Amino acid sequence: MSWDMRKVYVSSLVKTTTSRRPKEDNSSRLLTFEYYLKKDTENIRICKKLFLNTLDLKEWMVKIWLNPAANNKIKDSNDIAMPSRSRLPVELKNGLEVLNTFLDKLIKLESHYCRPSTQRLYLEPLFQTKSNAYRDDINAKALSLIHFKKQMKINNIFVYKPKKDQCDVCIGYKTKNVSQRNYETHIKRKDEARKEKEGDKKIAMKMENRVIAVLTMDLQSVKLAPVLQASAIYYKTKLCIHNFTTFSLEKALNRSIPASEILPLPQIKEKPNRSKSRSQKSEILSSTPFKDELEELDDIRKGKEEKKLKQQREN
């Protein structure tokens, strides 16, 4: 059924009568609506709610269809210019200039804990949220918090939330608990360690037979199991899940070994010596994450030793 057909059908079921008591000209009670539904050939009067719910109509639709004056009244009300609650463009422009000046003055975080390749600018950890940065300056409050957050997003400024463990020496230096000399020594050692790692990586990648393997190892943060939000299990005994990871720099391969308190990480109590048998050495190699690589390196070294011994015997 089209809307025009609905309009004709509703007009045949609703009767309009003038109000008994005189009202003002602009009153919405000039007409009284009587609602009917057909049962066989008889019209039965019903309430307005039942009529609207049965035909799935809105009250304003019935009034507009049966009273064209109501439709004109709605149009006239929409033509009335409502007072604008938004700021004047000049005030908004001046407020944005003040806001951008304030954002430029904020100290941005420069730390080796931030991502090395990113276009984002991070605020110092003094601000935990954007609302804290908004409350820091009185002049910035000339605009609302919504404008403040929107402008931070446009300028690509974010609140820095460290995802890695903080360095004790760096944090101690920021809180004035570590001297300048110790901090400079710490930074120097950090740079030297990075240079050594990059140098070893380049040497390992240049080797044709992959004689050198450069691995980095890290024990990730401990996770608890099971992890549930229910308070009933909060005080129950949980298991600590460890995650030992190793990364091959020359091959860009990552290995992860998760282990719980029931199944601890494989530990080597004694270092293998030359008197150990080959079966004992294979057990040690099988417990490492880069078993294949280490076995290959071991075979290469043994081949070189055998070749060297053979040359000595010939001489």
Protein backbone atom coordinates (compact mmCIF):
# COMPACT_ATOMS: atom_id res chain seq x y z
CA MET A 1 0.00 0.00 0.00
CA SER A 2 1.43 3.36 -1.07
CA TRP A 3 1.39 6.45 1.14
CA ASP A 4 -1.37 8.05 -0.91
CA MET A 5 -3.54 4.96 -0.47
CA ARG A 6 -2.77 4.98 3.26
CA LYS A 7 -3.81 8.60 3.46
CA VAL A 8 -7.19 7.85 1.81
CA TYR A 9 -7.72 4.80 3.99
CA VAL A 10 -6.95 6.71 7.22
CA SER A 11 -9.23 9.57 6.15
CA SER A 12 -12.10 7.11 5.83
CA LEU A 13 -11.51 5.76 9.36
CA VAL A 14 -10.98 9.04 11.24
CA LYS A 15 -13.68 11.64 11.71
CA THR A 16 -12.92 15.22 12.61
CA THR A 17 -15.34 17.43 14.54
CA THR A 18 -14.99 20.97 15.77
CA SER A 19 -14.29 21.47 19.42
CA ARG A 20 -17.31 22.33 21.57
CA ARG A 21 -15.47 24.97 23.54
CA PRO A 22 -14.05 27.90 21.58
CA LYS A 23 -10.25 28.03 21.52
CA GLU A 24 -7.69 30.51 20.29
CA ASP A 25 -6.94 30.62 16.59
CA ASN A 26 -3.46 29.12 16.98
CA SER A 27 -4.57 26.35 19.31
CA SER A 28 -3.97 22.72 18.35
CA ARG A 29 -7.35 21.72 19.86
CA LEU A 30 -9.54 23.28 17.19
CA LEU A 31 -10.43 19.79 15.92
CA THR A 32 -11.35 16.59 17.73
CA PHE A 33 -10.37 13.27 16.16
CA GLU A 34 -12.52 10.13 16.43
CA TYR A 35 -10.79 6.88 15.50
CA TYR A 36 -12.61 3.83 14.04
CA LEU A 37 -11.73 0.38 12.77
CA LYS A 38 -13.91 -1.71 10.49
CA LYS A 39 -15.28 -5.07 11.55
CA ASP A 40 -17.15 -6.60 8.64
CA THR A 41 -19.36 -3.71 7.60
CA GLU A 42 -19.50 -1.95 10.98
CA ASN A 43 -17.20 0.85 12.19
CA ILE A 44 -16.13 0.39 15.82
CA ARG A 45 -14.77 3.35 17.69
CA ILE A 46 -11.43 2.75 19.43
CA CYS A 47 -8.82 4.78 21.27
CA LYS A 48 -6.07 6.71 19.55
CA LYS A 49 -3.24 4.48 20.81
CA LEU A 50 -4.84 1.29 19.51
CA PHE A 51 -5.52 2.91 16.15
CA LEU A 52 -1.95 4.16 15.72
CA ASN A 53 -0.37 0.88 16.82
CA THR A 54 -2.62 -1.20 14.57
CA LEU A 55 -1.78 0.78 11.44
CA ASP A 56 1.81 1.55 12.54
CA LEU A 57 1.38 5.30 12.23
CA LYS A 58 2.58 8.36 14.12
CA GLU A 59 0.21 10.86 15.65
CA TRP A 60 1.64 13.79 13.69
CA MET A 61 1.09 11.89 10.40
CA VAL A 62 -2.64 11.55 11.07
CA LYS A 63 -2.94 15.21 12.04
CA ILE A 64 -1.15 16.41 8.91
CA TRP A 65 -3.23 14.16 6.63
CA LEU A 66 -6.56 15.26 8.10
CA ASN A 67 -5.73 18.87 8.95
CA PRO A 68 -3.73 20.73 6.26
CA ALA A 69 -3.54 23.76 8.54
CA ALA A 70 -1.33 21.77 10.94
CA ASN A 71 1.07 21.08 8.10
CA ASN A 72 1.30 24.79 7.29
CA LYS A 73 1.87 25.52 10.97
CA ILE A 74 4.80 23.10 11.10
CA LYS A 75 6.34 24.68 8.00
CA ASP A 76 5.97 28.15 9.48
CA SER A 77 7.68 27.06 12.69
CA ASN A 78 10.61 25.65 10.72
CA ASP A 79 11.04 28.93 8.83
CA ILE A 80 11.61 30.83 12.08
CA ALA A 81 15.31 31.59 12.48
CA MET A 82 16.51 30.06 15.73
CA PRO A 83 19.22 31.90 17.62
CA SER A 84 22.59 30.25 16.91
CA ARG A 85 24.36 28.87 19.94
CA SER A 86 27.65 28.42 18.11
CA ARG A 87 30.50 30.88 18.46
CA LEU A 88 31.13 33.64 16.06
CA PRO A 89 33.71 32.68 13.43
CA VAL A 90 36.05 35.45 14.63
CA GLU A 91 35.97 34.21 18.22
CA LEU A 92 36.52 30.63 17.11
CA LYS A 93 39.46 31.62 14.94
CA ASN A 94 41.10 33.57 17.75
CA GLY A 95 40.48 30.70 20.16
CA LEU A 96 42.13 28.20 17.80
CA GLU A 97 45.18 30.44 17.48
CA VAL A 98 45.54 30.59 21.26
CA LEU A 99 45.02 26.84 21.48
CA ASN A 100 47.67 26.08 18.85
CA THR A 101 50.14 28.35 20.65
CA PHE A 102 49.48 26.47 23.88
CA LEU A 103 49.95 23.09 22.20
CA ASP A 104 53.26 24.21 20.69
CA LYS A 105 54.54 25.20 24.14
CA LEU A 106 53.83 21.77 25.63
CA ILE A 107 56.96 19.70 26.15
CA LYS A 108 57.07 16.74 23.83
CA LEU A 109 58.57 13.45 25.01
CA GLU A 110 61.94 12.46 23.58
CA SER A 111 62.84 9.01 24.82
CA HIS A 112 64.30 5.83 23.43
CA TYR A 113 61.15 4.10 24.67
CA CYS A 114 59.03 5.76 21.97
CA ARG A 115 58.72 4.14 18.59
CA PRO A 116 61.78 4.81 16.40
CA SER A 117 59.73 5.46 13.26
CA THR A 118 56.53 7.35 13.94
CA GLN A 119 55.03 10.68 12.97
CA ARG A 120 53.17 11.12 16.24
CA LEU A 121 54.15 13.62 18.91
CA TYR A 122 53.84 12.41 22.50
CA LEU A 123 53.38 14.62 25.53
CA GLU A 124 55.54 14.09 28.59
CA PRO A 125 54.24 11.56 31.16
CA LEU A 126 53.15 14.45 33.39
CA PHE A 127 49.77 14.35 31.62
CA GLN A 128 47.90 11.08 32.02
CA THR A 129 44.92 12.12 29.87
CA LYS A 130 44.00 14.87 27.43
CA SER A 131 41.71 16.37 30.07
CA ASN A 132 44.73 16.90 32.34
CA ALA A 133 46.49 18.82 29.58
CA TYR A 134 43.33 20.87 29.00
CA ARG A 135 43.18 21.89 32.68
CA ASP A 136 46.83 22.91 32.71
CA ASP A 137 46.36 26.22 30.90
CA ILE A 138 43.66 28.79 31.65
CA ASN A 139 43.81 30.44 28.24
CA ALA A 140 43.09 27.14 26.52
CA LYS A 141 39.72 27.03 28.27
CA ALA A 142 38.50 29.76 25.94
CA LEU A 143 37.41 26.79 23.82
CA SER A 144 35.62 23.66 24.91
CA LEU A 145 37.26 20.32 25.66
CA ILE A 146 35.84 18.92 22.41
CA HIS A 147 37.69 21.56 20.38
CA PHE A 148 40.83 20.87 22.45
CA LYS A 149 40.81 17.13 21.68
CA LYS A 150 39.97 17.73 18.03
CA GLN A 151 42.87 20.16 17.64
CA MET A 152 45.26 17.70 19.31
CA LYS A 153 44.22 15.06 16.79
CA ILE A 154 44.76 17.48 13.88
CA ASN A 155 48.26 18.34 15.18
CA ASN A 156 48.98 14.61 15.66
CA ILE A 157 49.65 15.03 19.40
CA PHE A 158 48.92 12.13 21.73
CA VAL A 159 49.31 11.34 25.40
CA TYR A 160 52.24 8.96 25.84
CA LYS A 161 51.48 5.74 27.66
CA PRO A 162 54.63 3.60 27.96
CA LYS A 163 54.07 -0.01 26.97
CA LYS A 164 57.55 -1.20 27.92
CA ASP A 165 59.29 -1.38 31.28
CA GLN A 166 60.84 1.94 32.20
CA CYS A 167 64.59 2.18 32.72
CA ASP A 168 65.46 2.66 36.41
CA VAL A 169 68.41 4.95 35.63
CA CYS A 170 66.42 7.19 33.25
CA ILE A 171 63.50 7.48 35.67
CA GLY A 172 65.90 8.11 38.55
CA TYR A 173 67.59 10.90 36.57
CA LYS A 174 64.26 12.56 35.86
CA THR A 175 63.39 12.49 39.56
CA LYS A 176 66.85 13.88 40.48
CA ASN A 177 67.91 10.65 42.20
CA VAL A 178 70.71 9.84 39.73
CA SER A 179 73.63 12.15 39.08
CA GLN A 180 74.44 13.66 35.71
CA ARG A 181 77.69 11.67 35.50
CA ASN A 182 76.03 8.31 36.06
CA TYR A 183 73.27 9.17 33.59
CA GLU A 184 75.76 10.10 30.86
CA THR A 185 77.67 6.86 31.47
CA HIS A 186 74.41 4.94 31.18
CA ILE A 187 73.50 6.60 27.87
CA LYS A 188 77.02 6.00 26.54
CA ARG A 189 76.82 2.29 27.37
CA LYS A 190 73.40 2.07 25.78
CA ASP A 191 74.66 3.61 22.52
CA GLU A 192 77.73 1.35 22.50
CA ALA A 193 75.57 -1.75 23.02
CA ARG A 194 73.33 -0.76 20.13
CA LYS A 195 76.30 -0.16 17.85
CA GLU A 196 77.78 -3.54 18.75
CA LYS A 197 74.49 -5.26 18.02
CA GLU A 198 74.14 -3.56 14.65
CA GLY A 199 77.75 -4.45 13.80
CA ASP A 200 77.26 -8.13 14.70
CA LYS A 201 74.07 -8.20 12.66
CA LYS A 202 75.84 -6.86 9.56
CA ILE A 203 78.67 -9.38 9.96
CA ALA A 204 76.22 -12.28 10.37
CA MET A 205 74.25 -11.26 7.29
CA LYS A 206 77.41 -11.06 5.15
CA MET A 207 78.54 -14.57 6.07
CA GLU A 208 77.75 -17.04 3.29
CA ASN A 209 77.72 -20.18 5.41
CA ARG A 210 76.00 -18.48 8.35
CA VAL A 211 78.83 -19.32 10.74
CA ILE A 212 77.76 -16.60 13.16
CA ALA A 213 74.31 -16.51 14.75
CA VAL A 214 73.19 -13.29 16.48
CA LEU A 215 70.33 -13.85 18.90
CA THR A 216 68.54 -11.49 21.26
CA MET A 217 66.67 -12.95 24.21
CA ASP A 218 64.09 -11.46 26.54
CA LEU A 219 61.81 -12.73 29.30
CA GLN A 220 58.46 -11.01 28.85
CA SER A 221 56.20 -9.85 31.65
CA VAL A 222 54.55 -12.54 33.72
CA LYS A 223 50.88 -13.28 32.97
CA LEU A 224 48.44 -14.81 35.40
CA ALA A 225 46.13 -17.67 34.51
CA PRO A 226 43.22 -17.86 34.52
CA VAL A 227 42.34 -14.26 33.64
CA LEU A 228 38.74 -13.56 34.62
CA GLN A 229 36.84 -10.45 35.64
CA ALA A 230 34.68 -12.30 38.15
CA SER A 231 35.41 -11.38 41.74
CA ALA A 232 34.81 -14.94 42.97
CA ILE A 233 38.06 -16.16 41.42
CA TYR A 234 40.09 -13.06 42.28
CA TYR A 235 41.39 -14.48 45.55
CA LYS A 236 41.91 -18.00 44.17
CA THR A 237 45.36 -19.36 43.49
CA LYS A 238 46.62 -18.46 40.02
CA LEU A 239 49.47 -19.79 37.91
CA CYS A 240 52.26 -17.57 36.60
CA ILE A 241 52.80 -17.89 32.84
CA HIS A 242 56.31 -17.01 31.65
CA ASN A 243 57.12 -16.14 28.04
CA PHE A 244 60.73 -16.50 26.97
CA THR A 245 61.37 -15.09 23.49
CA THR A 246 64.41 -15.22 21.23
CA PHE A 247 64.93 -13.35 17.98
CA SER A 248 67.41 -14.13 15.21
CA LEU A 249 68.65 -10.83 13.80
CA GLU A 250 70.12 -12.16 10.55
CA LYS A 251 67.06 -14.29 9.70
CA ALA A 252 64.39 -12.11 11.33
CA LEU A 253 62.87 -15.17 13.01
CA ASN A 254 61.08 -15.02 16.32
CA ARG A 255 60.61 -17.96 18.68
CA SER A 256 58.47 -17.89 21.80
CA ILE A 257 58.47 -20.45 24.63
CA PRO A 258 55.54 -20.02 27.03
CA ALA A 259 55.79 -22.01 30.25
CA SER A 260 53.77 -22.10 33.44
CA GLU A 261 54.84 -22.96 36.97
CA ILE A 262 53.82 -26.56 36.29
CA LEU A 263 56.00 -26.77 33.15
CA PRO A 264 59.01 -24.52 33.80
CA LEU A 265 61.45 -23.37 31.14
CA PRO A 266 64.17 -25.91 30.27
CA GLN A 267 67.18 -25.20 32.43
CA ILE A 268 70.76 -26.30 31.87
CA LYS A 269 72.44 -27.03 35.18
CA GLU A 270 75.90 -27.74 33.77
CA LYS A 271 77.76 -26.33 30.83
CA PRO A 272 78.66 -28.96 28.23
CA ASN A 273 82.35 -29.84 28.12
CA ARG A 274 84.41 -31.76 25.59
CA SER A 275 84.07 -34.97 27.56
CA LYS A 276 80.29 -34.99 27.12
CA SER A 277 78.88 -37.46 24.69
CA ARG A 278 77.09 -36.42 21.49
CA SER A 279 73.72 -37.63 22.86
CA GLN A 280 74.02 -35.32 25.85
CA LYS A 281 74.84 -32.39 23.57
CA SER A 282 71.82 -33.15 21.38
CA GLU A 283 69.57 -32.99 24.44
CA ILE A 284 70.88 -29.52 25.23
CA LEU A 285 70.38 -28.37 21.64
CA SER A 286 66.83 -29.76 21.54
CA SER A 287 65.85 -27.58 24.51
CA THR A 288 66.83 -24.35 22.76
CA PRO A 289 64.42 -22.38 20.52
CA PHE A 290 66.85 -22.30 17.54
CA LYS A 291 67.64 -26.00 17.44
CA ASP A 292 68.13 -26.30 13.67
CA GLU A 293 70.34 -23.23 13.38
CA LEU A 294 72.62 -24.28 16.24
CA GLU A 295 72.95 -27.82 14.91
CA GLU A 296 73.90 -26.45 11.51
CA LEU A 297 76.53 -24.19 13.04
CA ASP A 298 77.88 -27.11 15.08
CA ASP A 299 78.22 -29.24 11.94
CA ILE A 300 80.05 -26.44 10.11
CA ARG A 301 82.54 -26.02 12.96
CA LYS A 302 83.14 -29.77 13.15
CA GLY A 303 83.72 -29.94 9.41
CA LYS A 304 86.33 -27.19 9.67
CA GLU A 305 88.05 -28.97 12.55
CA GLU A 306 88.15 -32.27 10.67
CA LYS A 307 89.53 -30.52 7.58
CA LYS A 308 92.21 -28.85 9.66
CA LEU A 309 93.23 -32.15 11.29
CA LYS A 310 93.38 -33.84 7.91
CA GLN A 311 95.74 -31.14 6.57
CA GLN A 312 97.97 -31.53 9.62
CA ARG A 313 98.18 -35.31 9.10
CA GLU A 314 99.08 -34.89 5.44
CA ASN A 315 101.87 -32.45 6.33
